[in-house]
């Protein structure tokens, strides 16, 4: 699993200005969490347990850049106790963490596009951005990360309308598609919960 940070974002209402990015090296599954620029190793570990471990368990190895957040004694001790190794990227060979860097570029472009009018709301869009990343076909596997993990496709508004989507996107097309998926699922207030502003048409079961 690859771990990395994206910093330099406008501070949201909770004081977060960065994103902690986890990428599965096998399935390309992505998990995101908003963090402050003062995030500690302990905080990052809790986010890993809350957002990744409870769904997938522990990976055999972690790949990270030379960031003090990952070289802290807490991380090293935790990984040793759990039988997990922390591999450091070689500063002269940044491609060892290339998967996360590519995800970071797509993520930043997507958030910049969908949050242009309200840049401080980027953290509110992270769940849908994460879903869009995991529901996009990856060129190296030929499948979506969601399908490789669940062996099924998630139900989305497009599915409810009876549509299909089979094209494999890359580069600018992928970023455009991600922006479209995120912008189409804007949460709106509603009595008793949250709805998504997206027209859904489906057959109701007969009674």
Protein backbone atom coordinates (compact mmCIF):
# COMPACT_ATOMS: atom_id res chain seq x y z
CA UNK A 1 0.00 0.00 0.00
CA UNK A 2 1.19 3.50 -0.83
CA UNK A 3 0.76 6.40 1.60
CA UNK A 4 1.17 10.08 0.82
CA UNK A 5 -0.07 13.58 1.64
CA UNK A 6 -1.46 16.42 -0.45
CA UNK A 7 -0.98 19.78 1.27
CA UNK A 8 -1.49 23.44 0.40
CA UNK A 9 -5.29 23.33 0.07
CA UNK A 10 -7.48 26.16 1.43
CA UNK A 11 -8.31 25.51 5.09
CA UNK A 12 -11.83 24.13 5.50
CA UNK A 13 -14.19 24.87 8.39
CA UNK A 14 -12.36 22.32 10.55
CA UNK A 15 -8.90 23.73 9.91
CA UNK A 16 -7.89 20.94 7.53
CA UNK A 17 -5.64 21.92 4.64
CA UNK A 18 -4.37 18.56 3.47
CA UNK A 19 -5.40 15.08 2.34
CA UNK A 20 -3.98 11.77 3.52
CA UNK A 21 -3.96 9.40 0.53
CA UNK A 22 -3.87 5.60 0.74
CA UNK A 23 -3.54 3.60 -2.51
CA UNK A 24 -3.66 -0.20 -2.73
CA UNK A 25 -0.84 -1.26 -5.05
CA UNK A 26 -2.76 -4.33 -6.26
CA UNK A 27 -6.35 -3.18 -6.85
CA UNK A 28 -5.56 0.59 -7.07
CA UNK A 29 -8.29 1.22 -4.47
CA UNK A 30 -8.01 4.74 -3.02
CA UNK A 31 -8.98 5.98 0.44
CA UNK A 32 -8.84 9.67 1.38
CA UNK A 33 -8.97 11.61 4.65
CA UNK A 34 -8.79 15.35 5.32
CA UNK A 35 -6.05 16.39 7.75
CA UNK A 36 -4.51 19.60 9.19
CA UNK A 37 -0.98 20.55 8.18
CA UNK A 38 0.10 19.65 11.73
CA UNK A 39 -1.07 16.03 11.39
CA UNK A 40 0.96 13.60 13.50
CA UNK A 41 1.87 9.97 12.98
CA UNK A 42 -0.58 9.00 15.69
CA UNK A 43 -3.40 10.85 13.91
CA UNK A 44 -2.49 9.26 10.58
CA UNK A 45 -2.47 5.82 12.20
CA UNK A 46 -5.97 6.36 13.61
CA UNK A 47 -7.20 7.46 10.19
CA UNK A 48 -5.70 4.34 8.65
CA UNK A 49 -7.49 2.12 11.17
CA UNK A 50 -10.79 4.00 10.77
CA UNK A 51 -10.76 4.31 6.99
CA UNK A 52 -8.73 1.37 5.65
CA UNK A 53 -7.99 -1.36 8.19
CA UNK A 54 -11.61 -1.91 9.18
CA UNK A 55 -12.49 -2.57 5.53
CA UNK A 56 -9.43 -4.43 4.23
CA UNK A 57 -7.21 -5.47 7.13
CA UNK A 58 -3.45 -4.87 7.11
CA UNK A 59 -1.29 -4.81 3.98
CA UNK A 60 1.98 -6.73 3.91
CA UNK A 61 4.00 -3.59 3.20
CA UNK A 62 3.69 0.19 3.11
CA UNK A 63 5.51 2.42 0.62
CA UNK A 64 6.02 6.04 1.64
CA UNK A 65 8.22 8.99 0.76
CA UNK A 66 10.77 10.32 3.25
CA UNK A 67 8.28 12.13 5.44
CA UNK A 68 8.82 12.48 9.19
CA UNK A 69 5.18 11.49 9.72
CA UNK A 70 6.05 7.99 8.59
CA UNK A 71 9.51 7.73 10.15
CA UNK A 72 8.27 8.58 13.64
CA UNK A 73 8.95 5.99 16.31
CA UNK A 74 5.21 5.45 16.71
CA UNK A 75 4.89 4.21 13.14
CA UNK A 76 7.99 2.04 13.29
CA UNK A 77 6.93 0.45 16.56
CA UNK A 78 3.35 -0.07 15.40
CA UNK A 79 4.45 -1.75 12.17
CA UNK A 80 6.92 -4.01 13.98
CA UNK A 81 4.28 -5.14 16.45
CA UNK A 82 1.86 -5.91 13.63
CA UNK A 83 4.43 -7.61 11.43
CA UNK A 84 4.21 -4.90 8.78
CA UNK A 85 7.24 -3.29 7.15
CA UNK A 86 7.66 0.38 6.23
CA UNK A 87 9.61 0.73 2.96
CA UNK A 88 11.04 4.19 2.31
CA UNK A 89 11.14 5.57 -1.23
CA UNK A 90 14.64 6.25 -2.49
CA UNK A 91 15.07 10.02 -2.93
CA UNK A 92 16.91 9.38 -6.22
CA UNK A 93 14.14 7.14 -7.55
CA UNK A 94 10.79 8.86 -6.90
CA UNK A 95 9.00 6.41 -9.21
CA UNK A 96 8.82 3.95 -6.30
CA UNK A 97 5.86 5.99 -5.11
CA UNK A 98 4.56 6.84 -8.58
CA UNK A 99 1.09 5.37 -8.12
CA UNK A 100 0.22 7.79 -5.33
CA UNK A 101 1.71 10.73 -7.21
CA UNK A 102 -0.56 10.02 -10.17
CA UNK A 103 -3.60 9.76 -7.90
CA UNK A 104 -2.61 13.04 -6.24
CA UNK A 105 -2.49 14.86 -9.59
CA UNK A 106 -5.91 13.59 -10.66
CA UNK A 107 -7.35 14.35 -7.22
CA UNK A 108 -6.03 17.91 -7.16
CA UNK A 109 -7.27 18.62 -10.68
CA UNK A 110 -10.70 17.21 -9.82
CA UNK A 111 -11.11 19.19 -6.60
CA UNK A 112 -9.84 22.36 -8.29
CA UNK A 113 -12.50 21.93 -10.97
CA UNK A 114 -15.52 21.07 -8.81
CA UNK A 115 -14.68 23.51 -6.00
CA UNK A 116 -13.63 26.49 -8.09
CA UNK A 117 -16.49 28.68 -6.83
CA UNK A 118 -16.21 27.55 -3.19
CA UNK A 119 -12.63 26.34 -2.66
CA UNK A 120 -12.98 25.83 1.10
CA UNK A 121 -15.59 23.10 0.59
CA UNK A 122 -13.10 20.61 -0.88
CA UNK A 123 -13.25 18.31 2.17
CA UNK A 124 -17.02 17.94 1.75
CA UNK A 125 -16.40 16.51 -1.72
CA UNK A 126 -13.78 13.94 -0.66
CA UNK A 127 -16.20 11.00 -0.15
CA UNK A 128 -17.67 11.40 -3.64
CA UNK A 129 -14.23 12.06 -5.16
CA UNK A 130 -12.99 8.84 -3.54
CA UNK A 131 -15.95 6.92 -4.93
CA UNK A 132 -15.36 8.35 -8.41
CA UNK A 133 -11.69 7.34 -8.33
CA UNK A 134 -12.58 3.81 -7.22
CA UNK A 135 -15.34 3.46 -9.81
CA UNK A 136 -13.13 4.44 -12.77
CA UNK A 137 -11.53 1.71 -14.89
CA UNK A 138 -7.78 1.60 -14.28
CA UNK A 139 -5.67 1.23 -17.43
CA UNK A 140 -3.19 -1.17 -15.80
CA UNK A 141 -5.82 -3.65 -14.57
CA UNK A 142 -8.70 -3.21 -17.00
CA UNK A 143 -11.12 -3.09 -14.07
CA UNK A 144 -12.35 -0.59 -11.51
CA UNK A 145 -10.79 -0.83 -8.04
CA UNK A 146 -14.30 -1.29 -6.64
CA UNK A 147 -14.89 -4.37 -8.81
CA UNK A 148 -11.54 -5.94 -7.93
CA UNK A 149 -12.33 -5.59 -4.22
CA UNK A 150 -16.03 -6.48 -4.23
CA UNK A 151 -16.41 -8.55 -7.44
CA UNK A 152 -19.45 -6.46 -8.28
CA UNK A 153 -20.21 -2.99 -9.59
CA UNK A 154 -21.69 -0.44 -7.18
CA UNK A 155 -25.22 0.85 -7.64
CA UNK A 156 -25.17 4.43 -8.90
CA UNK A 157 -27.81 6.75 -10.41
CA UNK A 158 -26.63 5.76 -13.91
CA UNK A 159 -27.34 2.11 -13.06
CA UNK A 160 -30.80 2.93 -11.74
CA UNK A 161 -31.64 4.61 -15.03
CA UNK A 162 -30.68 1.44 -16.87
CA UNK A 163 -27.63 2.96 -18.53
CA UNK A 164 -24.21 1.42 -19.06
CA UNK A 165 -20.72 2.83 -19.16
CA UNK A 166 -17.95 0.72 -20.64
CA UNK A 167 -15.31 3.14 -21.91
CA UNK A 168 -11.81 3.13 -20.43
CA UNK A 169 -10.54 6.63 -19.80
CA UNK A 170 -7.07 7.96 -19.15
CA UNK A 171 -5.30 11.26 -18.69
CA UNK A 172 -7.40 14.37 -19.27
CA UNK A 173 -10.50 12.33 -20.12
CA UNK A 174 -10.33 10.56 -16.75
CA UNK A 175 -10.00 13.85 -14.90
CA UNK A 176 -12.95 15.27 -16.83
CA UNK A 177 -15.04 12.19 -16.01
CA UNK A 178 -14.14 12.40 -12.33
CA UNK A 179 -15.08 16.07 -12.24
CA UNK A 180 -18.43 15.22 -13.84
CA UNK A 181 -19.17 12.43 -11.35
CA UNK A 182 -18.31 14.63 -8.38
CA UNK A 183 -20.23 17.69 -9.58
CA UNK A 184 -23.31 15.62 -10.40
CA UNK A 185 -23.59 14.35 -6.83
CA UNK A 186 -23.92 17.54 -4.82
CA UNK A 187 -25.45 17.04 -1.36
CA UNK A 188 -28.51 19.16 -0.59
CA UNK A 189 -30.35 19.56 2.68
CA UNK A 190 -33.54 17.61 3.13
CA UNK A 191 -35.84 16.79 6.01
CA UNK A 192 -34.64 13.67 7.77
CA UNK A 193 -31.26 13.37 6.03
CA UNK A 194 -29.24 14.24 2.95
CA UNK A 195 -30.26 13.75 -0.65
CA UNK A 196 -28.11 13.98 -3.77
CA UNK A 197 -29.09 16.37 -6.51
CA UNK A 198 -29.24 13.81 -9.29
CA UNK A 199 -32.38 12.71 -11.10
CA UNK A 200 -33.01 9.01 -10.52
CA UNK A 201 -35.54 6.98 -12.48
CA UNK A 202 -36.27 3.34 -11.64
CA UNK A 203 -39.15 0.93 -11.72
CA UNK A 204 -40.99 0.54 -8.44
CA UNK A 205 -41.74 -3.05 -7.36
CA UNK A 206 -45.38 -4.04 -7.70
CA UNK A 207 -47.34 -4.63 -4.51
